[in-house]
Amino acid sequence: MRKASSIALLFATLFIFWLLLNNSLAGDVLLIGIVATLLIALLFRGGRSPVSGFRPTPRAVAATFGYLIFFLAELVRSNLHIARVVLSPSLPISPAIVKVRTRLKSPMGRLLLANSITLTPGTLTVEIDGEWLYIHWVNAEATDIDAATAQIVAGFERYLEVMYG
Protein backbone atom coordinates (compact mmCIF):
# COMPACT_ATOMS: atom_id res chain seq x y z
CA MET A 1 0.00 0.00 0.00
CA ARG A 2 2.90 2.36 0.76
CA LYS A 3 4.26 1.90 -2.77
CA ALA A 4 0.85 2.78 -4.26
CA SER A 5 0.67 5.97 -2.21
CA SER A 6 4.17 6.99 -3.29
CA ILE A 7 3.22 6.42 -6.94
CA ALA A 8 0.03 8.45 -6.43
CA LEU A 9 2.00 11.28 -4.78
CA LEU A 10 4.56 11.31 -7.61
CA PHE A 11 1.77 11.24 -10.21
CA ALA A 12 -0.09 14.10 -8.53
CA THR A 13 3.06 16.21 -8.22
CA LEU A 14 4.04 15.66 -11.84
CA PHE A 15 0.51 16.30 -13.07
CA ILE A 16 0.30 19.59 -11.18
CA PHE A 17 3.58 20.69 -12.78
CA TRP A 18 2.22 19.58 -16.17
CA LEU A 19 -0.86 21.74 -15.71
CA LEU A 20 1.17 24.72 -14.55
CA LEU A 21 3.61 24.45 -17.44
CA ASN A 22 0.88 24.03 -20.08
CA ASN A 23 -1.52 26.61 -18.65
CA SER A 24 -4.43 24.82 -20.30
CA LEU A 25 -7.30 22.57 -19.30
CA ALA A 26 -8.04 21.46 -22.85
CA GLY A 27 -9.01 17.80 -23.17
CA ASP A 28 -6.00 16.79 -25.25
CA VAL A 29 -3.58 18.51 -22.88
CA LEU A 30 -5.18 16.79 -19.88
CA LEU A 31 -5.12 13.38 -21.59
CA ILE A 32 -1.48 13.66 -22.65
CA GLY A 33 -0.59 14.94 -19.18
CA ILE A 34 -2.33 12.03 -17.47
CA VAL A 35 -0.69 9.44 -19.71
CA ALA A 36 2.79 11.00 -19.54
CA THR A 37 2.82 11.61 -15.79
CA LEU A 38 1.35 8.18 -15.02
CA LEU A 39 4.00 6.53 -17.18
CA ILE A 40 6.78 8.52 -15.48
CA ALA A 41 5.36 7.77 -12.02
CA LEU A 42 5.28 4.04 -12.81
CA LEU A 43 8.77 4.02 -14.32
CA PHE A 44 10.32 5.90 -11.39
CA ARG A 45 8.30 4.36 -8.56
CA GLY A 46 11.47 3.15 -6.82
CA GLY A 47 13.27 6.46 -7.29
CA ARG A 48 14.32 8.89 -4.66
CA SER A 49 12.81 12.23 -3.92
CA PRO A 50 14.05 15.01 -1.62
CA VAL A 51 11.59 13.80 1.02
CA SER A 52 12.96 10.22 0.99
CA GLY A 53 14.33 9.67 4.46
CA PHE A 54 13.47 13.19 5.63
CA ARG A 55 12.66 13.32 9.33
CA PRO A 56 9.44 15.35 9.60
CA THR A 57 10.16 16.86 13.01
CA PRO A 58 10.02 20.53 13.97
CA ARG A 59 13.80 20.46 14.45
CA ALA A 60 14.30 19.05 10.92
CA VAL A 61 12.00 21.67 9.40
CA ALA A 62 13.97 24.40 11.19
CA ALA A 63 17.21 22.79 9.96
CA THR A 64 15.85 22.90 6.42
CA PHE A 65 15.46 26.67 6.62
CA GLY A 66 18.90 26.95 8.19
CA TYR A 67 20.34 24.80 5.40
CA LEU A 68 18.78 26.99 2.71
CA ILE A 69 20.16 30.15 4.31
CA PHE A 70 23.60 28.55 4.75
CA PHE A 71 23.59 27.28 1.16
CA LEU A 72 22.67 30.69 -0.25
CA ALA A 73 25.36 32.39 1.85
CA GLU A 74 27.96 29.84 0.66
CA LEU A 75 26.79 30.35 -2.91
CA VAL A 76 27.34 34.11 -2.70
CA ARG A 77 30.66 33.75 -0.86
CA SER A 78 31.97 31.20 -3.35
CA ASN A 79 30.85 33.23 -6.35
CA LEU A 80 32.70 36.27 -5.03
CA HIS A 81 35.81 34.19 -4.32
CA ILE A 82 35.85 32.62 -7.80
CA ALA A 83 35.22 36.02 -9.42
CA ARG A 84 38.23 37.42 -7.53
CA VAL A 85 40.37 34.50 -8.70
CA VAL A 86 39.27 34.82 -12.33
CA LEU A 87 39.76 38.59 -12.40
CA SER A 88 43.21 38.37 -10.83
CA PRO A 89 45.98 38.68 -13.45
CA SER A 90 48.05 35.96 -11.79
CA LEU A 91 45.08 33.52 -11.61
CA PRO A 92 45.98 32.27 -8.12
CA ILE A 93 44.61 28.72 -8.14
CA SER A 94 45.86 25.44 -6.77
CA PRO A 95 43.43 22.80 -8.05
CA ALA A 96 43.28 19.39 -6.40
CA ILE A 97 40.97 16.48 -5.90
CA VAL A 98 40.50 16.08 -2.16
CA LYS A 99 39.03 13.19 -0.23
CA VAL A 100 36.50 14.14 2.45
CA ARG A 101 34.41 12.09 4.85
CA THR A 102 30.74 12.46 5.65
CA ARG A 103 28.94 11.28 8.76
CA LEU A 104 25.64 11.15 6.89
CA LYS A 105 24.09 7.67 6.70
CA SER A 106 21.06 8.46 4.54
CA PRO A 107 21.54 8.07 0.78
CA MET A 108 19.40 11.16 0.19
CA GLY A 109 21.40 13.17 2.73
CA ARG A 110 24.63 12.17 0.97
CA LEU A 111 23.14 13.02 -2.41
CA LEU A 112 22.05 16.46 -1.23
CA LEU A 113 25.48 17.04 0.28
CA ALA A 114 27.19 16.09 -2.99
CA ASN A 115 24.83 18.30 -5.02
CA SER A 116 25.26 21.22 -2.62
CA ILE A 117 29.02 20.97 -2.98
CA THR A 118 28.76 20.77 -6.76
CA LEU A 119 26.40 23.75 -6.97
CA THR A 120 28.83 25.87 -4.97
CA PRO A 121 31.32 27.49 -7.38
CA GLY A 122 34.87 26.25 -7.06
CA THR A 123 33.98 22.72 -5.97
CA LEU A 124 32.69 19.70 -7.85
CA THR A 125 31.78 16.32 -6.43
CA VAL A 126 33.55 13.76 -8.61
CA GLU A 127 32.56 10.56 -6.80
CA ILE A 128 30.71 9.26 -3.77
CA ASP A 129 32.06 6.02 -2.33
CA GLY A 130 30.24 5.16 0.89
CA GLU A 131 31.26 7.69 3.51
CA TRP A 132 33.92 9.20 1.19
CA LEU A 133 33.41 11.99 -1.30
CA TYR A 134 36.03 12.99 -3.83
CA ILE A 135 35.84 16.71 -4.53
CA HIS A 136 37.60 18.72 -7.22
CA TRP A 137 38.52 21.97 -5.51
CA VAL A 138 39.68 24.85 -7.72
CA ASN A 139 41.65 26.51 -4.96
CA ALA A 140 42.52 23.73 -2.52
CA GLU A 141 43.23 25.33 0.81
CA ALA A 142 43.85 21.96 2.48
CA THR A 143 44.48 18.45 1.18
CA ASP A 144 44.41 16.74 4.58
CA ILE A 145 41.16 14.73 4.92
CA ASP A 146 40.13 16.28 8.24
CA ALA A 147 40.90 19.86 7.23
CA ALA A 148 39.23 19.52 3.82
CA THR A 149 36.19 17.90 5.44
CA ALA A 150 35.94 20.78 7.90
CA GLN A 151 36.16 23.39 5.15
CA ILE A 152 33.94 21.80 2.50
CA VAL A 153 31.52 19.40 4.20
CA ALA A 154 30.99 20.40 7.83
CA GLY A 155 28.74 23.42 7.24
CA PHE A 156 26.28 21.56 5.02
CA GLU A 157 26.46 18.41 7.09
CA ARG A 158 25.45 20.21 10.27
CA TYR A 159 21.97 20.79 8.82
CA LEU A 160 21.67 17.63 6.72
CA GLU A 161 22.36 15.43 9.77
CA VAL A 162 19.30 16.85 11.50
CA MET A 163 17.22 16.57 8.34
CA TYR A 164 18.27 13.06 7.20
CA GLY A 165 20.58 11.51 9.77
C-alpha atoms as a PDB file:
ATOM      1  CA  MET A   1       0.000   0.000   0.000  1.00  0.00           C
ATOM      2  CA  ARG A   2       2.903   2.363   0.764  1.00  0.00           C
ATOM      3  CA  LYS A   3       4.258   1.902  -2.770  1.00  0.00           C
ATOM      4  CA  ALA A   4       0.852   2.779  -4.263  1.00  0.00           C
ATOM      5  CA  SER A   5       0.666   5.968  -2.209  1.00  0.00           C
ATOM      6  CA  SER A   6       4.172   6.986  -3.290  1.00  0.00           C
ATOM      7  CA  ILE A   7       3.224   6.424  -6.942  1.00  0.00           C
ATOM      8  CA  ALA A   8       0.031   8.452  -6.426  1.00  0.00           C
ATOM      9  CA  LEU A   9       1.998  11.276  -4.782  1.00  0.00           C
ATOM     10  CA  LEU A  10       4.563  11.314  -7.607  1.00  0.00           C
ATOM     11  CA  PHE A  11       1.771  11.236 -10.208  1.00  0.00           C
ATOM     12  CA  ALA A  12      -0.089  14.102  -8.525  1.00  0.00           C
ATOM     13  CA  THR A  13       3.058  16.211  -8.216  1.00  0.00           C
ATOM     14  CA  LEU A  14       4.041  15.662 -11.842  1.00  0.00           C
ATOM     15  CA  PHE A  15       0.514  16.303 -13.073  1.00  0.00           C
ATOM     16  CA  ILE A  16       0.296  19.594 -11.175  1.00  0.00           C
ATOM     17  CA  PHE A  17       3.577  20.692 -12.776  1.00  0.00           C
ATOM     18  CA  TRP A  18       2.218  19.579 -16.170  1.00  0.00           C
ATOM     19  CA  LEU A  19      -0.856  21.735 -15.708  1.00  0.00           C
ATOM     20  CA  LEU A  20       1.166  24.724 -14.547  1.00  0.00           C
ATOM     21  CA  LEU A  21       3.605  24.455 -17.445  1.00  0.00           C
ATOM     22  CA  ASN A  22       0.880  24.035 -20.076  1.00  0.00           C
ATOM     23  CA  ASN A  23      -1.519  26.611 -18.654  1.00  0.00           C
ATOM     24  CA  SER A  24      -4.430  24.818 -20.300  1.00  0.00           C
ATOM     25  CA  LEU A  25      -7.302  22.570 -19.298  1.00  0.00           C
ATOM     26  CA  ALA A  26      -8.044  21.455 -22.851  1.00  0.00           C
ATOM     27  CA  GLY A  27      -9.009  17.797 -23.168  1.00  0.00           C
ATOM     28  CA  ASP A  28      -5.999  16.789 -25.253  1.00  0.00           C
ATOM     29  CA  VAL A  29      -3.576  18.514 -22.876  1.00  0.00           C
ATOM     30  CA  LEU A  30      -5.180  16.793 -19.878  1.00  0.00           C
ATOM     31  CA  LEU A  31      -5.122  13.381 -21.591  1.00  0.00           C
ATOM     32  CA  ILE A  32      -1.484  13.656 -22.646  1.00  0.00           C
ATOM     33  CA  GLY A  33      -0.590  14.940 -19.183  1.00  0.00           C
ATOM     34  CA  ILE A  34      -2.329  12.027 -17.465  1.00  0.00           C
ATOM     35  CA  VAL A  35      -0.687   9.437 -19.705  1.00  0.00           C
ATOM     36  CA  ALA A  36       2.788  11.000 -19.537  1.00  0.00           C
ATOM     37  CA  THR A  37       2.818  11.613 -15.787  1.00  0.00           C
ATOM     38  CA  LEU A  38       1.353   8.184 -15.018  1.00  0.00           C
ATOM     39  CA  LEU A  39       3.996   6.534 -17.178  1.00  0.00           C
ATOM     40  CA  ILE A  40       6.776   8.522 -15.481  1.00  0.00           C
ATOM     41  CA  ALA A  41       5.357   7.765 -12.021  1.00  0.00           C
ATOM     42  CA  LEU A  42       5.282   4.041 -12.809  1.00  0.00           C
ATOM     43  CA  LEU A  43       8.771   4.022 -14.319  1.00  0.00           C
ATOM     44  CA  PHE A  44      10.316   5.897 -11.390  1.00  0.00           C
ATOM     45  CA  ARG A  45       8.296   4.359  -8.559  1.00  0.00           C
ATOM     46  CA  GLY A  46      11.465   3.150  -6.824  1.00  0.00           C
ATOM     47  CA  GLY A  47      13.273   6.455  -7.289  1.00  0.00           C
ATOM     48  CA  ARG A  48      14.324   8.888  -4.663  1.00  0.00           C
ATOM     49  CA  SER A  49      12.806  12.234  -3.920  1.00  0.00           C
ATOM     50  CA  PRO A  50      14.046  15.006  -1.618  1.00  0.00           C
ATOM     51  CA  VAL A  51      11.590  13.795   1.022  1.00  0.00           C
ATOM     52  CA  SER A  52      12.960  10.220   0.991  1.00  0.00           C
ATOM     53  CA  GLY A  53      14.330   9.668   4.457  1.00  0.00           C
ATOM     54  CA  PHE A  54      13.466  13.187   5.630  1.00  0.00           C
ATOM     55  CA  ARG A  55      12.662  13.321   9.331  1.00  0.00           C
ATOM     56  CA  PRO A  56       9.439  15.354   9.596  1.00  0.00           C
ATOM     57  CA  THR A  57      10.163  16.857  13.009  1.00  0.00           C
ATOM     58  CA  PRO A  58      10.017  20.530  13.975  1.00  0.00           C
ATOM     59  CA  ARG A  59      13.804  20.456  14.446  1.00  0.00           C
ATOM     60  CA  ALA A  60      14.301  19.051  10.924  1.00  0.00           C
ATOM     61  CA  VAL A  61      12.005  21.670   9.402  1.00  0.00           C
ATOM     62  CA  ALA A  62      13.973  24.403  11.193  1.00  0.00           C
ATOM     63  CA  ALA A  63      17.212  22.793   9.964  1.00  0.00           C
ATOM     64  CA  THR A  64      15.846  22.903   6.417  1.00  0.00           C
ATOM     65  CA  PHE A  65      15.455  26.667   6.625  1.00  0.00           C
ATOM     66  CA  GLY A  66      18.903  26.952   8.189  1.00  0.00           C
ATOM     67  CA  TYR A  67      20.340  24.796   5.404  1.00  0.00           C
ATOM     68  CA  LEU A  68      18.781  26.995   2.707  1.00  0.00           C
ATOM     69  CA  ILE A  69      20.163  30.155   4.309  1.00  0.00           C
ATOM     70  CA  PHE A  70      23.598  28.552   4.751  1.00  0.00           C
ATOM     71  CA  PHE A  71      23.595  27.278   1.162  1.00  0.00           C
ATOM     72  CA  LEU A  72      22.668  30.695  -0.249  1.00  0.00           C
ATOM     73  CA  ALA A  73      25.365  32.387   1.853  1.00  0.00           C
ATOM     74  CA  GLU A  74      27.960  29.843   0.657  1.00  0.00           C
ATOM     75  CA  LEU A  75      26.786  30.355  -2.909  1.00  0.00           C
ATOM     76  CA  VAL A  76      27.343  34.110  -2.705  1.00  0.00           C
ATOM     77  CA  ARG A  77      30.659  33.751  -0.863  1.00  0.00           C
ATOM     78  CA  SER A  78      31.973  31.197  -3.353  1.00  0.00           C
ATOM     79  CA  ASN A  79      30.852  33.227  -6.353  1.00  0.00           C
ATOM     80  CA  LEU A  80      32.697  36.271  -5.031  1.00  0.00           C
ATOM     81  CA  HIS A  81      35.815  34.191  -4.321  1.00  0.00           C
ATOM     82  CA  ILE A  82      35.855  32.621  -7.801  1.00  0.00           C
ATOM     83  CA  ALA A  83      35.215  36.022  -9.419  1.00  0.00           C
ATOM     84  CA  ARG A  84      38.231  37.418  -7.531  1.00  0.00           C
ATOM     85  CA  VAL A  85      40.366  34.497  -8.701  1.00  0.00           C
ATOM     86  CA  VAL A  86      39.267  34.819 -12.330  1.00  0.00           C
ATOM     87  CA  LEU A  87      39.763  38.586 -12.404  1.00  0.00           C
ATOM     88  CA  SER A  88      43.211  38.371 -10.833  1.00  0.00           C
ATOM     89  CA  PRO A  89      45.978  38.682 -13.455  1.00  0.00           C
ATOM     90  CA  SER A  90      48.052  35.962 -11.789  1.00  0.00           C
ATOM     91  CA  LEU A  91      45.082  33.518 -11.608  1.00  0.00           C
ATOM     92  CA  PRO A  92      45.983  32.265  -8.117  1.00  0.00           C
ATOM     93  CA  ILE A  93      44.607  28.719  -8.141  1.00  0.00           C
ATOM     94  CA  SER A  94      45.859  25.438  -6.771  1.00  0.00           C
ATOM     95  CA  PRO A  95      43.433  22.798  -8.045  1.00  0.00           C
ATOM     96  CA  ALA A  96      43.279  19.395  -6.401  1.00  0.00           C
ATOM     97  CA  ILE A  97      40.967  16.477  -5.895  1.00  0.00           C
ATOM     98  CA  VAL A  98      40.500  16.075  -2.164  1.00  0.00           C
ATOM     99  CA  LYS A  99      39.032  13.192  -0.230  1.00  0.00           C
ATOM    100  CA  VAL A 100      36.498  14.140   2.448  1.00  0.00           C
ATOM    101  CA  ARG A 101      34.406  12.086   4.849  1.00  0.00           C
ATOM    102  CA  THR A 102      30.740  12.459   5.645  1.00  0.00           C
ATOM    103  CA  ARG A 103      28.940  11.283   8.756  1.00  0.00           C
ATOM    104  CA  LEU A 104      25.636  11.146   6.889  1.00  0.00           C
ATOM    105  CA  LYS A 105      24.095   7.668   6.701  1.00  0.00           C
ATOM    106  CA  SER A 106      21.062   8.458   4.537  1.00  0.00           C
ATOM    107  CA  PRO A 107      21.543   8.070   0.776  1.00  0.00           C
ATOM    108  CA  MET A 108      19.396  11.164   0.186  1.00  0.00           C
ATOM    109  CA  GLY A 109      21.396  13.165   2.727  1.00  0.00           C
ATOM    110  CA  ARG A 110      24.628  12.175   0.967  1.00  0.00           C
ATOM    111  CA  LEU A 111      23.136  13.021  -2.408  1.00  0.00           C
ATOM    112  CA  LEU A 112      22.045  16.465  -1.226  1.00  0.00           C
ATOM    113  CA  LEU A 113      25.479  17.039   0.282  1.00  0.00           C
ATOM    114  CA  ALA A 114      27.193  16.089  -2.991  1.00  0.00           C
ATOM    115  CA  ASN A 115      24.833  18.296  -5.015  1.00  0.00           C
ATOM    116  CA  SER A 116      25.259  21.223  -2.617  1.00  0.00           C
ATOM    117  CA  ILE A 117      29.024  20.970  -2.976  1.00  0.00           C
ATOM    118  CA  THR A 118      28.761  20.769  -6.761  1.00  0.00           C
ATOM    119  CA  LEU A 119      26.402  23.749  -6.975  1.00  0.00           C
ATOM    120  CA  THR A 120      28.829  25.868  -4.968  1.00  0.00           C
ATOM    121  CA  PRO A 121      31.322  27.493  -7.385  1.00  0.00           C
ATOM    122  CA  GLY A 122      34.874  26.245  -7.056  1.00  0.00           C
ATOM    123  CA  THR A 123      33.977  22.719  -5.967  1.00  0.00           C
ATOM    124  CA  LEU A 124      32.690  19.700  -7.852  1.00  0.00           C
ATOM    125  CA  THR A 125      31.779  16.315  -6.427  1.00  0.00           C
ATOM    126  CA  VAL A 126      33.546  13.762  -8.613  1.00  0.00           C
ATOM    127  CA  GLU A 127      32.564  10.560  -6.803  1.00  0.00           C
ATOM    128  CA  ILE A 128      30.705   9.260  -3.773  1.00  0.00           C
ATOM    129  CA  ASP A 129      32.056   6.020  -2.328  1.00  0.00           C
ATOM    130  CA  GLY A 130      30.237   5.156   0.886  1.00  0.00           C
ATOM    131  CA  GLU A 131      31.263   7.693   3.507  1.00  0.00           C
ATOM    132  CA  TRP A 132      33.915   9.196   1.194  1.00  0.00           C
ATOM    133  CA  LEU A 133      33.413  11.993  -1.296  1.00  0.00           C
ATOM    134  CA  TYR A 134      36.033  12.993  -3.829  1.00  0.00           C
ATOM    135  CA  ILE A 135      35.845  16.708  -4.533  1.00  0.00           C
ATOM    136  CA  HIS A 136      37.599  18.719  -7.221  1.00  0.00           C
ATOM    137  CA  TRP A 137      38.519  21.968  -5.506  1.00  0.00           C
ATOM    138  CA  VAL A 138      39.678  24.846  -7.717  1.00  0.00           C
ATOM    139  CA  ASN A 139      41.645  26.511  -4.957  1.00  0.00           C
ATOM    140  CA  ALA A 140      42.515  23.731  -2.518  1.00  0.00           C
ATOM    141  CA  GLU A 141      43.230  25.335   0.807  1.00  0.00           C
ATOM    142  CA  ALA A 142      43.851  21.964   2.478  1.00  0.00           C
ATOM    143  CA  THR A 143      44.478  18.449   1.183  1.00  0.00           C
ATOM    144  CA  ASP A 144      44.406  16.736   4.581  1.00  0.00           C
ATOM    145  CA  ILE A 145      41.161  14.728   4.923  1.00  0.00           C
ATOM    146  CA  ASP A 146      40.125  16.282   8.244  1.00  0.00           C
ATOM    147  CA  ALA A 147      40.904  19.861   7.226  1.00  0.00           C
ATOM    148  CA  ALA A 148      39.234  19.522   3.817  1.00  0.00           C
ATOM    149  CA  THR A 149      36.194  17.902   5.435  1.00  0.00           C
ATOM    150  CA  ALA A 150      35.939  20.781   7.902  1.00  0.00           C
ATOM    151  CA  GLN A 151      36.157  23.393   5.145  1.00  0.00           C
ATOM    152  CA  ILE A 152      33.939  21.799   2.496  1.00  0.00           C
ATOM    153  CA  VAL A 153      31.525  19.405   4.204  1.00  0.00           C
ATOM    154  CA  ALA A 154      30.986  20.404   7.830  1.00  0.00           C
ATOM    155  CA  GLY A 155      28.745  23.421   7.236  1.00  0.00           C
ATOM    156  CA  PHE A 156      26.283  21.563   5.016  1.00  0.00           C
ATOM    157  CA  GLU A 157      26.464  18.410   7.091  1.00  0.00           C
ATOM    158  CA  ARG A 158      25.448  20.213  10.270  1.00  0.00           C
ATOM    159  CA  TYR A 159      21.974  20.792   8.819  1.00  0.00           C
ATOM    160  CA  LEU A 160      21.668  17.633   6.720  1.00  0.00           C
ATOM    161  CA  GLU A 161      22.358  15.435   9.769  1.00  0.00           C
ATOM    162  CA  VAL A 162      19.303  16.854  11.503  1.00  0.00           C
ATOM    163  CA  MET A 163      17.215  16.569   8.344  1.00  0.00           C
ATOM    164  CA  TYR A 164      18.265  13.062   7.200  1.00  0.00           C
ATOM    165  CA  GLY A 165      20.582  11.511   9.775  1.00  0.00           C
END
